Amino acid sequence: MTQPIVYVDVSSVRPGKLAELESAMDRLARFVEANMPRLSSYGFYLDEVRATMTVVALHPDEASLEAHLDTGREEFRGFAALIELERIEVYGAVSAPVLERLHEKARMLGGATVTVHEHQAGFAR
């Protein structure tokens, strides 16, 4: 059975950009919902002081993550002026081409680190 992939990224909100970011998050969430039906879950979160944004996505498999990165590429670019991406963490195995797409997104949005955590034990239903 294919294991799901959990994608998490964490960004700093650029000073003075919170209101724009909130609108951009809403737009991107609607875009993803309309254009990426395979995602199981997709959410944006702000910390209590609204200085850090976290994105959490649950993909049923690597193909879903790959489609997300390809379909959303241009939409993600719009966030470059609003955030500085600090890190991307992926929980589940990904291929070299998908890993390169993750690094591309990291470079585009602030030079974030990319860490892949391969599944070792457990189950998915």
N, C-alpha and C. Protein backbone atom coordinates (compact mmCIF):
# COMPACT_ATOMS: atom_id res chain seq x y z
N MET A 1 0.84 -1.19 0.00
CA MET A 1 0.00 0.00 0.00
C MET A 1 0.88 1.25 0.00
N THR A 2 0.50 2.22 -0.78
CA THR A 2 1.21 3.48 -0.83
C THR A 2 0.97 4.25 0.46
N GLN A 3 2.04 4.80 1.01
CA GLN A 3 1.93 5.60 2.22
C GLN A 3 1.58 7.05 1.85
N PRO A 4 0.76 7.70 2.65
CA PRO A 4 0.49 9.12 2.41
C PRO A 4 1.75 9.94 2.66
N ILE A 5 1.73 11.15 2.14
CA ILE A 5 2.84 12.09 2.34
C ILE A 5 2.28 13.32 3.05
N VAL A 6 2.93 13.68 4.14
CA VAL A 6 2.57 14.89 4.87
C VAL A 6 3.60 15.96 4.50
N TYR A 7 3.10 17.10 4.04
CA TYR A 7 3.94 18.24 3.65
C TYR A 7 3.70 19.35 4.66
N VAL A 8 4.77 19.91 5.20
CA VAL A 8 4.67 21.03 6.14
C VAL A 8 5.70 22.08 5.72
N ASP A 9 5.27 23.32 5.59
CA ASP A 9 6.26 24.39 5.42
C ASP A 9 5.97 25.50 6.42
N VAL A 10 7.04 26.17 6.82
CA VAL A 10 6.97 27.22 7.83
C VAL A 10 7.65 28.47 7.27
N SER A 11 6.95 29.61 7.38
CA SER A 11 7.44 30.87 6.84
C SER A 11 7.27 31.99 7.84
N SER A 12 8.16 32.97 7.74
CA SER A 12 8.01 34.22 8.48
C SER A 12 7.17 35.17 7.63
N VAL A 13 6.25 35.85 8.28
CA VAL A 13 5.43 36.85 7.59
C VAL A 13 6.26 38.13 7.48
N ARG A 14 6.37 38.65 6.27
CA ARG A 14 7.13 39.89 6.08
C ARG A 14 6.42 41.04 6.79
N PRO A 15 7.18 41.95 7.39
CA PRO A 15 6.58 43.09 8.10
C PRO A 15 5.62 43.87 7.20
N GLY A 16 4.46 44.18 7.77
CA GLY A 16 3.46 44.97 7.06
C GLY A 16 2.68 44.21 5.99
N LYS A 17 2.87 42.90 5.88
CA LYS A 17 2.24 42.13 4.81
C LYS A 17 1.14 41.19 5.29
N LEU A 18 0.78 41.25 6.56
CA LEU A 18 -0.18 40.30 7.10
C LEU A 18 -1.53 40.35 6.40
N ALA A 19 -2.08 41.53 6.20
CA ALA A 19 -3.40 41.64 5.57
C ALA A 19 -3.38 41.06 4.15
N GLU A 20 -2.34 41.39 3.40
CA GLU A 20 -2.20 40.83 2.05
C GLU A 20 -2.05 39.31 2.09
N LEU A 21 -1.29 38.84 3.06
CA LEU A 21 -1.06 37.41 3.19
C LEU A 21 -2.37 36.68 3.50
N GLU A 22 -3.18 37.24 4.38
CA GLU A 22 -4.45 36.60 4.73
C GLU A 22 -5.34 36.45 3.49
N SER A 23 -5.38 37.47 2.66
CA SER A 23 -6.15 37.38 1.41
C SER A 23 -5.54 36.35 0.46
N ALA A 24 -4.21 36.34 0.37
CA ALA A 24 -3.53 35.39 -0.51
C ALA A 24 -3.74 33.95 -0.04
N MET A 25 -3.75 33.72 1.27
CA MET A 25 -4.00 32.38 1.79
C MET A 25 -5.40 31.91 1.39
N ASP A 26 -6.39 32.78 1.53
CA ASP A 26 -7.76 32.42 1.15
C ASP A 26 -7.84 32.09 -0.34
N ARG A 27 -7.21 32.91 -1.18
CA ARG A 27 -7.24 32.67 -2.63
C ARG A 27 -6.57 31.35 -2.98
N LEU A 28 -5.39 31.11 -2.39
CA LEU A 28 -4.67 29.88 -2.71
C LEU A 28 -5.43 28.65 -2.21
N ALA A 29 -6.03 28.74 -1.05
CA ALA A 29 -6.81 27.61 -0.54
C ALA A 29 -7.96 27.28 -1.49
N ARG A 30 -8.64 28.29 -2.00
CA ARG A 30 -9.73 28.06 -2.96
C ARG A 30 -9.19 27.47 -4.27
N PHE A 31 -8.04 27.99 -4.73
CA PHE A 31 -7.41 27.47 -5.96
C PHE A 31 -7.06 26.00 -5.80
N VAL A 32 -6.43 25.66 -4.69
CA VAL A 32 -6.03 24.28 -4.45
C VAL A 32 -7.25 23.38 -4.35
N GLU A 33 -8.27 23.81 -3.64
CA GLU A 33 -9.47 22.99 -3.52
C GLU A 33 -10.11 22.73 -4.88
N ALA A 34 -10.13 23.73 -5.74
CA ALA A 34 -10.75 23.60 -7.06
C ALA A 34 -9.90 22.81 -8.05
N ASN A 35 -8.58 22.87 -7.92
CA ASN A 35 -7.70 22.31 -8.94
C ASN A 35 -6.91 21.08 -8.53
N MET A 36 -6.97 20.71 -7.28
CA MET A 36 -6.18 19.58 -6.81
C MET A 36 -7.05 18.66 -5.94
N PRO A 37 -7.97 17.94 -6.58
CA PRO A 37 -8.95 17.16 -5.84
C PRO A 37 -8.38 15.96 -5.08
N ARG A 38 -7.16 15.57 -5.36
CA ARG A 38 -6.61 14.38 -4.69
C ARG A 38 -6.09 14.68 -3.29
N LEU A 39 -5.83 15.94 -2.98
CA LEU A 39 -5.36 16.26 -1.63
C LEU A 39 -6.40 15.86 -0.61
N SER A 40 -5.95 15.23 0.46
CA SER A 40 -6.87 14.83 1.53
C SER A 40 -7.16 16.00 2.46
N SER A 41 -6.17 16.86 2.67
CA SER A 41 -6.31 17.99 3.58
C SER A 41 -5.28 19.05 3.20
N TYR A 42 -5.66 20.33 3.34
CA TYR A 42 -4.77 21.44 3.02
C TYR A 42 -5.15 22.61 3.90
N GLY A 43 -4.21 23.12 4.69
CA GLY A 43 -4.55 24.21 5.59
C GLY A 43 -3.41 25.17 5.84
N PHE A 44 -3.79 26.42 6.08
CA PHE A 44 -2.86 27.47 6.48
C PHE A 44 -3.09 27.77 7.95
N TYR A 45 -2.02 28.00 8.68
CA TYR A 45 -2.10 28.30 10.11
C TYR A 45 -1.19 29.47 10.43
N LEU A 46 -1.66 30.37 11.30
CA LEU A 46 -0.84 31.47 11.80
C LEU A 46 -0.63 31.26 13.29
N ASP A 47 0.57 31.58 13.76
CA ASP A 47 0.84 31.46 15.19
C ASP A 47 0.10 32.56 15.95
N GLU A 48 0.19 32.52 17.27
CA GLU A 48 -0.60 33.43 18.11
C GLU A 48 -0.26 34.90 17.90
N VAL A 49 0.96 35.22 17.49
CA VAL A 49 1.31 36.63 17.24
C VAL A 49 1.23 36.99 15.76
N ARG A 50 0.79 36.02 14.95
CA ARG A 50 0.57 36.21 13.51
C ARG A 50 1.84 36.63 12.78
N ALA A 51 2.96 36.06 13.21
CA ALA A 51 4.25 36.34 12.59
C ALA A 51 4.80 35.14 11.83
N THR A 52 4.21 33.97 12.07
CA THR A 52 4.68 32.75 11.41
C THR A 52 3.47 32.04 10.79
N MET A 53 3.64 31.68 9.53
CA MET A 53 2.60 30.93 8.81
C MET A 53 3.11 29.51 8.58
N THR A 54 2.22 28.55 8.83
CA THR A 54 2.54 27.15 8.56
C THR A 54 1.49 26.60 7.60
N VAL A 55 1.96 25.86 6.60
CA VAL A 55 1.08 25.18 5.66
C VAL A 55 1.22 23.69 5.91
N VAL A 56 0.09 23.00 6.03
CA VAL A 56 0.10 21.55 6.24
C VAL A 56 -0.80 20.93 5.17
N ALA A 57 -0.24 19.96 4.43
CA ALA A 57 -1.00 19.27 3.39
C ALA A 57 -0.82 17.77 3.56
N LEU A 58 -1.91 17.05 3.38
CA LEU A 58 -1.86 15.59 3.42
C LEU A 58 -2.18 15.07 2.03
N HIS A 59 -1.17 14.45 1.43
CA HIS A 59 -1.30 13.88 0.08
C HIS A 59 -1.46 12.37 0.19
N PRO A 60 -2.33 11.77 -0.62
CA PRO A 60 -2.47 10.32 -0.56
C PRO A 60 -1.25 9.57 -1.08
N ASP A 61 -0.44 10.25 -1.91
CA ASP A 61 0.75 9.61 -2.48
C ASP A 61 1.66 10.67 -3.10
N GLU A 62 2.79 10.23 -3.60
CA GLU A 62 3.77 11.16 -4.18
C GLU A 62 3.22 11.86 -5.42
N ALA A 63 2.43 11.16 -6.22
CA ALA A 63 1.87 11.77 -7.43
C ALA A 63 1.02 12.99 -7.10
N SER A 64 0.31 12.95 -5.99
CA SER A 64 -0.49 14.10 -5.56
C SER A 64 0.41 15.28 -5.20
N LEU A 65 1.49 15.01 -4.47
CA LEU A 65 2.44 16.08 -4.12
C LEU A 65 3.06 16.66 -5.38
N GLU A 66 3.45 15.82 -6.30
CA GLU A 66 4.06 16.28 -7.55
C GLU A 66 3.09 17.16 -8.33
N ALA A 67 1.84 16.73 -8.45
CA ALA A 67 0.84 17.52 -9.16
C ALA A 67 0.61 18.87 -8.46
N HIS A 68 0.62 18.86 -7.14
CA HIS A 68 0.45 20.09 -6.37
C HIS A 68 1.58 21.08 -6.68
N LEU A 69 2.81 20.59 -6.67
CA LEU A 69 3.95 21.46 -6.92
C LEU A 69 3.92 22.01 -8.34
N ASP A 70 3.53 21.19 -9.30
CA ASP A 70 3.48 21.63 -10.70
C ASP A 70 2.32 22.58 -10.95
N THR A 71 1.14 22.22 -10.50
CA THR A 71 -0.06 23.04 -10.74
C THR A 71 0.00 24.36 -10.00
N GLY A 72 0.55 24.34 -8.80
CA GLY A 72 0.57 25.55 -7.98
C GLY A 72 1.77 26.45 -8.15
N ARG A 73 2.74 26.05 -8.96
CA ARG A 73 4.00 26.80 -9.07
C ARG A 73 3.79 28.30 -9.25
N GLU A 74 2.97 28.69 -10.20
CA GLU A 74 2.77 30.12 -10.46
C GLU A 74 2.02 30.80 -9.32
N GLU A 75 1.10 30.09 -8.71
CA GLU A 75 0.37 30.64 -7.56
C GLU A 75 1.32 30.88 -6.38
N PHE A 76 2.26 29.96 -6.17
CA PHE A 76 3.21 30.10 -5.06
C PHE A 76 4.08 31.34 -5.23
N ARG A 77 4.43 31.67 -6.46
CA ARG A 77 5.29 32.84 -6.72
C ARG A 77 4.72 34.11 -6.10
N GLY A 78 3.41 34.24 -6.07
CA GLY A 78 2.77 35.42 -5.51
C GLY A 78 3.03 35.61 -4.03
N PHE A 79 3.52 34.58 -3.36
CA PHE A 79 3.79 34.67 -1.93
C PHE A 79 5.19 35.23 -1.63
N ALA A 80 6.05 35.33 -2.63
CA ALA A 80 7.44 35.75 -2.40
C ALA A 80 7.55 37.11 -1.73
N ALA A 81 6.64 38.03 -2.03
CA ALA A 81 6.69 39.37 -1.44
C ALA A 81 6.04 39.41 -0.06
N LEU A 82 5.38 38.32 0.33
CA LEU A 82 4.60 38.31 1.57
C LEU A 82 5.25 37.51 2.70
N ILE A 83 6.07 36.54 2.34
CA ILE A 83 6.66 35.63 3.33
C ILE A 83 8.12 35.39 3.02
N GLU A 84 8.81 34.84 3.99
CA GLU A 84 10.13 34.25 3.75
C GLU A 84 10.05 32.81 4.23
N LEU A 85 10.08 31.90 3.27
CA LEU A 85 9.98 30.48 3.58
C LEU A 85 11.23 30.04 4.32
N GLU A 86 11.04 29.46 5.49
CA GLU A 86 12.17 29.04 6.33
C GLU A 86 12.50 27.57 6.18
N ARG A 87 11.45 26.73 6.10
CA ARG A 87 11.73 25.30 5.96
C ARG A 87 10.54 24.58 5.35
N ILE A 88 10.89 23.51 4.64
CA ILE A 88 9.92 22.57 4.12
C ILE A 88 10.28 21.22 4.72
N GLU A 89 9.29 20.56 5.28
CA GLU A 89 9.49 19.22 5.82
C GLU A 89 8.47 18.30 5.17
N VAL A 90 8.96 17.18 4.67
CA VAL A 90 8.11 16.20 4.02
C VAL A 90 8.25 14.89 4.79
N TYR A 91 7.12 14.31 5.14
CA TYR A 91 7.08 13.05 5.87
C TYR A 91 6.57 11.98 4.91
N GLY A 92 7.51 11.18 4.39
CA GLY A 92 7.22 10.15 3.40
C GLY A 92 8.26 10.22 2.30
N ALA A 93 8.50 9.11 1.63
CA ALA A 93 9.53 9.03 0.59
C ALA A 93 9.09 9.78 -0.67
N VAL A 94 10.05 10.50 -1.26
CA VAL A 94 9.80 11.18 -2.54
C VAL A 94 10.96 10.88 -3.49
N SER A 95 10.67 10.93 -4.77
CA SER A 95 11.67 10.68 -5.81
C SER A 95 12.59 11.89 -5.98
N ALA A 96 13.67 11.69 -6.69
CA ALA A 96 14.61 12.78 -6.97
C ALA A 96 13.94 13.94 -7.72
N PRO A 97 13.11 13.68 -8.74
CA PRO A 97 12.45 14.81 -9.42
C PRO A 97 11.54 15.62 -8.49
N VAL A 98 10.82 14.96 -7.60
CA VAL A 98 9.95 15.69 -6.67
C VAL A 98 10.79 16.45 -5.67
N LEU A 99 11.88 15.85 -5.21
CA LEU A 99 12.78 16.54 -4.29
C LEU A 99 13.34 17.80 -4.95
N GLU A 100 13.68 17.74 -6.23
CA GLU A 100 14.18 18.92 -6.94
C GLU A 100 13.09 20.00 -7.01
N ARG A 101 11.84 19.61 -7.22
CA ARG A 101 10.75 20.59 -7.24
C ARG A 101 10.59 21.26 -5.87
N LEU A 102 10.76 20.49 -4.82
CA LEU A 102 10.70 21.06 -3.47
C LEU A 102 11.82 22.08 -3.26
N HIS A 103 13.03 21.74 -3.72
CA HIS A 103 14.16 22.69 -3.60
C HIS A 103 13.91 23.94 -4.45
N GLU A 104 13.30 23.76 -5.60
CA GLU A 104 12.96 24.91 -6.46
C GLU A 104 12.01 25.85 -5.73
N LYS A 105 10.98 25.28 -5.10
CA LYS A 105 10.03 26.10 -4.33
C LYS A 105 10.75 26.80 -3.18
N ALA A 106 11.64 26.09 -2.50
CA ALA A 106 12.40 26.68 -1.39
C ALA A 106 13.24 27.87 -1.87
N ARG A 107 13.89 27.73 -3.00
CA ARG A 107 14.70 28.84 -3.54
C ARG A 107 13.81 30.02 -3.93
N MET A 108 12.68 29.73 -4.54
CA MET A 108 11.77 30.78 -5.03
C MET A 108 11.22 31.63 -3.89
N LEU A 109 11.01 31.01 -2.71
CA LEU A 109 10.34 31.71 -1.62
C LEU A 109 11.25 32.03 -0.43
N GLY A 110 12.56 32.01 -0.63
CA GLY A 110 13.41 32.48 0.45
C GLY A 110 14.59 31.61 0.83
N GLY A 111 14.88 30.57 0.08
CA GLY A 111 16.06 29.78 0.38
C GLY A 111 15.91 28.84 1.55
N ALA A 112 14.72 28.33 1.75
CA ALA A 112 14.42 27.45 2.88
C ALA A 112 15.19 26.14 2.81
N THR A 113 15.30 25.50 3.95
CA THR A 113 15.83 24.14 3.97
C THR A 113 14.71 23.16 3.60
N VAL A 114 15.10 22.03 3.05
CA VAL A 114 14.16 20.97 2.71
C VAL A 114 14.64 19.71 3.39
N THR A 115 13.76 19.11 4.18
CA THR A 115 14.10 17.87 4.88
C THR A 115 13.02 16.84 4.58
N VAL A 116 13.46 15.65 4.19
CA VAL A 116 12.55 14.55 3.94
C VAL A 116 12.75 13.51 5.03
N HIS A 117 11.64 13.16 5.67
CA HIS A 117 11.65 12.16 6.73
C HIS A 117 10.99 10.90 6.16
N GLU A 118 11.76 9.84 5.96
CA GLU A 118 11.20 8.63 5.38
C GLU A 118 10.48 7.81 6.44
N HIS A 119 9.36 7.26 6.04
CA HIS A 119 8.52 6.44 6.91
C HIS A 119 9.30 5.22 7.40
N GLN A 120 9.26 4.95 8.67
CA GLN A 120 9.98 3.81 9.23
C GLN A 120 9.05 2.75 9.80
N ALA A 121 7.97 3.17 10.40
CA ALA A 121 7.05 2.20 11.02
C ALA A 121 5.70 2.87 11.19
N GLY A 122 4.68 2.07 11.32
CA GLY A 122 3.34 2.59 11.51
C GLY A 122 2.43 2.17 10.37
N PHE A 123 1.28 2.78 10.28
CA PHE A 123 0.32 2.40 9.25
C PHE A 123 -0.53 3.60 8.84
N ALA A 124 -1.16 3.46 7.69
CA ALA A 124 -2.14 4.44 7.20
C ALA A 124 -3.40 3.67 6.85
N ARG A 125 -4.53 4.22 7.15
CA ARG A 125 -5.80 3.55 6.82
C ARG A 125 -6.47 4.24 5.66
